[in-house]
Amino acid sequence: MPLIQGSSEASIHSNIKKLIGEGYKRKQAVAIAYSIAKNKDDEIEKRPVQYKNCIDPKEETQQFPYL
């Protein structure tokens, strides 16, 4: 039976449930489900993280006379 693709908590839980139903031991089912979630997450191109209060290094920073 194919497992659900994705790394969300719901898809991992569903995959564990399917694997246990197929006869895998609980620990082995958890390891397989997390392994598949990690592999699917690696295939997705990740966007760079944008932080709200960070200064963009490309922009000029303000020069303080006392530094």
N, C-alpha and C. Protein backbone atom coordinates (compact mmCIF):
# COMPACT_ATOMS: atom_id res chain seq x y z
N MET A 1 0.85 -1.17 0.00
CA MET A 1 0.00 0.00 0.00
C MET A 1 0.90 1.24 0.00
N PRO A 2 0.70 2.18 -0.89
CA PRO A 2 1.56 3.36 -0.92
C PRO A 2 1.32 4.26 0.30
N LEU A 3 2.39 4.90 0.73
CA LEU A 3 2.31 5.79 1.87
C LEU A 3 2.06 7.21 1.40
N ILE A 4 1.50 8.02 2.29
CA ILE A 4 1.19 9.41 1.98
C ILE A 4 2.49 10.21 1.91
N GLN A 5 2.63 11.04 0.91
CA GLN A 5 3.81 11.87 0.77
C GLN A 5 3.65 13.12 1.62
N GLY A 6 4.74 13.60 2.17
CA GLY A 6 4.71 14.82 2.94
C GLY A 6 5.33 14.64 4.30
N SER A 7 5.62 15.77 4.93
CA SER A 7 6.28 15.72 6.23
C SER A 7 5.42 16.33 7.34
N SER A 8 4.13 16.49 7.10
CA SER A 8 3.27 17.02 8.14
C SER A 8 2.99 15.96 9.19
N GLU A 9 2.58 16.39 10.35
CA GLU A 9 2.30 15.47 11.45
C GLU A 9 1.18 14.50 11.08
N ALA A 10 0.19 14.97 10.36
CA ALA A 10 -0.94 14.12 9.97
C ALA A 10 -0.51 13.02 9.00
N SER A 11 0.35 13.36 8.04
CA SER A 11 0.78 12.34 7.08
C SER A 11 1.69 11.31 7.74
N ILE A 12 2.55 11.75 8.66
CA ILE A 12 3.41 10.81 9.38
C ILE A 12 2.56 9.87 10.23
N HIS A 13 1.57 10.41 10.93
CA HIS A 13 0.68 9.60 11.76
C HIS A 13 -0.08 8.58 10.92
N SER A 14 -0.56 9.01 9.77
CA SER A 14 -1.29 8.12 8.88
C SER A 14 -0.39 7.00 8.36
N ASN A 15 0.84 7.35 8.01
CA ASN A 15 1.79 6.35 7.51
C ASN A 15 2.13 5.33 8.59
N ILE A 16 2.31 5.79 9.83
CA ILE A 16 2.59 4.86 10.94
C ILE A 16 1.42 3.90 11.12
N LYS A 17 0.22 4.44 11.06
CA LYS A 17 -0.98 3.61 11.24
C LYS A 17 -1.07 2.54 10.14
N LYS A 18 -0.78 2.93 8.89
CA LYS A 18 -0.81 1.98 7.77
C LYS A 18 0.24 0.89 7.94
N LEU A 19 1.45 1.29 8.34
CA LEU A 19 2.54 0.33 8.48
C LEU A 19 2.28 -0.67 9.61
N ILE A 20 1.72 -0.20 10.71
CA ILE A 20 1.37 -1.10 11.81
C ILE A 20 0.29 -2.07 11.36
N GLY A 21 -0.66 -1.57 10.58
CA GLY A 21 -1.71 -2.43 10.04
C GLY A 21 -1.18 -3.49 9.10
N GLU A 22 -0.07 -3.19 8.43
CA GLU A 22 0.55 -4.15 7.52
C GLU A 22 1.40 -5.18 8.25
N GLY A 23 1.59 -4.99 9.57
CA GLY A 23 2.31 -6.00 10.35
C GLY A 23 3.69 -5.59 10.82
N TYR A 24 4.11 -4.34 10.56
CA TYR A 24 5.40 -3.89 11.05
C TYR A 24 5.31 -3.63 12.56
N LYS A 25 6.43 -3.80 13.25
CA LYS A 25 6.49 -3.44 14.67
C LYS A 25 6.39 -1.93 14.79
N ARG A 26 5.94 -1.46 15.94
CA ARG A 26 5.70 -0.03 16.14
C ARG A 26 6.97 0.80 15.90
N LYS A 27 8.08 0.40 16.50
CA LYS A 27 9.32 1.17 16.35
C LYS A 27 9.80 1.20 14.89
N GLN A 28 9.65 0.08 14.21
CA GLN A 28 10.07 0.02 12.82
C GLN A 28 9.15 0.89 11.95
N ALA A 29 7.86 0.87 12.24
CA ALA A 29 6.91 1.69 11.48
C ALA A 29 7.21 3.17 11.65
N VAL A 30 7.54 3.57 12.88
CA VAL A 30 7.87 4.98 13.14
C VAL A 30 9.13 5.37 12.37
N ALA A 31 10.14 4.49 12.39
CA ALA A 31 11.39 4.78 11.69
C ALA A 31 11.16 4.92 10.18
N ILE A 32 10.35 4.04 9.62
CA ILE A 32 10.07 4.10 8.18
C ILE A 32 9.31 5.37 7.83
N ALA A 33 8.30 5.71 8.63
CA ALA A 33 7.47 6.89 8.35
C ALA A 33 8.31 8.17 8.41
N TYR A 34 9.17 8.30 9.43
CA TYR A 34 10.00 9.50 9.53
C TYR A 34 11.05 9.53 8.43
N SER A 35 11.55 8.37 8.04
CA SER A 35 12.53 8.31 6.95
C SER A 35 11.91 8.78 5.64
N ILE A 36 10.71 8.34 5.37
CA ILE A 36 10.01 8.75 4.15
C ILE A 36 9.70 10.25 4.20
N ALA A 37 9.29 10.76 5.37
CA ALA A 37 8.98 12.19 5.50
C ALA A 37 10.24 13.01 5.27
N LYS A 38 11.37 12.55 5.77
CA LYS A 38 12.63 13.27 5.58
C LYS A 38 13.02 13.27 4.11
N ASN A 39 12.87 12.13 3.44
CA ASN A 39 13.24 12.05 2.02
C ASN A 39 12.34 12.94 1.18
N LYS A 40 11.06 13.00 1.47
CA LYS A 40 10.15 13.85 0.70
C LYS A 40 10.45 15.31 0.95
N ASP A 41 10.85 15.64 2.20
CA ASP A 41 11.16 17.02 2.54
C ASP A 41 12.43 17.47 1.83
N ASP A 42 13.39 16.57 1.63
CA ASP A 42 14.63 16.91 0.94
C ASP A 42 14.39 17.22 -0.53
N GLU A 43 13.37 16.61 -1.14
CA GLU A 43 13.09 16.82 -2.55
C GLU A 43 12.51 18.20 -2.83
N ILE A 44 11.85 18.77 -1.84
CA ILE A 44 11.22 20.08 -2.00
C ILE A 44 12.29 21.16 -1.89
N GLU A 45 12.30 22.07 -2.85
CA GLU A 45 13.27 23.16 -2.78
C GLU A 45 12.83 24.12 -1.70
N LYS A 46 13.72 24.38 -0.76
CA LYS A 46 13.37 25.25 0.36
C LYS A 46 13.68 26.69 0.01
N ARG A 47 12.78 27.58 0.39
CA ARG A 47 13.00 29.00 0.20
C ARG A 47 13.82 29.54 1.36
N PRO A 48 14.60 30.58 1.16
CA PRO A 48 15.36 31.15 2.27
C PRO A 48 14.42 31.74 3.31
N VAL A 49 14.82 31.65 4.54
CA VAL A 49 14.00 32.14 5.65
C VAL A 49 14.07 33.65 5.69
N GLN A 50 12.93 34.29 5.84
CA GLN A 50 12.87 35.74 5.94
C GLN A 50 12.55 36.10 7.39
N TYR A 51 13.44 36.84 8.02
CA TYR A 51 13.21 37.29 9.39
C TYR A 51 12.74 38.73 9.36
N LYS A 52 11.79 39.06 10.22
CA LYS A 52 11.19 40.39 10.18
C LYS A 52 12.13 41.49 10.66
N ASN A 53 12.86 41.25 11.73
CA ASN A 53 13.64 42.32 12.34
C ASN A 53 15.12 42.27 12.00
N CYS A 54 15.49 41.57 10.95
CA CYS A 54 16.89 41.47 10.56
C CYS A 54 17.21 42.51 9.49
N ILE A 55 18.44 42.98 9.55
CA ILE A 55 18.91 43.94 8.57
C ILE A 55 19.42 43.18 7.36
N ASP A 56 19.04 43.62 6.20
CA ASP A 56 19.51 43.01 4.97
C ASP A 56 20.98 43.37 4.79
N PRO A 57 21.87 42.39 4.65
CA PRO A 57 23.30 42.71 4.54
C PRO A 57 23.64 43.50 3.28
N LYS A 58 22.78 43.49 2.30
CA LYS A 58 23.03 44.24 1.07
C LYS A 58 22.80 45.74 1.26
N GLU A 59 21.94 46.08 2.22
CA GLU A 59 21.65 47.48 2.48
C GLU A 59 22.76 48.07 3.34
N GLU A 60 22.96 49.37 3.21
CA GLU A 60 23.95 50.02 4.04
C GLU A 60 23.43 50.14 5.46
N THR A 61 24.30 49.90 6.41
CA THR A 61 23.91 50.05 7.81
C THR A 61 24.22 51.47 8.25
N GLN A 62 23.49 51.92 9.25
CA GLN A 62 23.68 53.27 9.75
C GLN A 62 25.01 53.35 10.50
N GLN A 63 25.78 54.37 10.26
CA GLN A 63 27.05 54.56 10.91
C GLN A 63 26.85 55.40 12.18
N PHE A 64 27.29 54.87 13.29
CA PHE A 64 27.20 55.59 14.55
C PHE A 64 28.53 56.23 14.86
N PRO A 65 28.54 57.51 15.27
CA PRO A 65 29.80 58.21 15.50
C PRO A 65 30.56 57.67 16.72
N TYR A 66 29.89 57.05 17.65
CA TYR A 66 30.57 56.59 18.86
C TYR A 66 31.15 55.19 18.73
N LEU A 67 31.00 54.55 17.58
CA LEU A 67 31.58 53.21 17.40
C LEU A 67 32.92 53.25 16.75
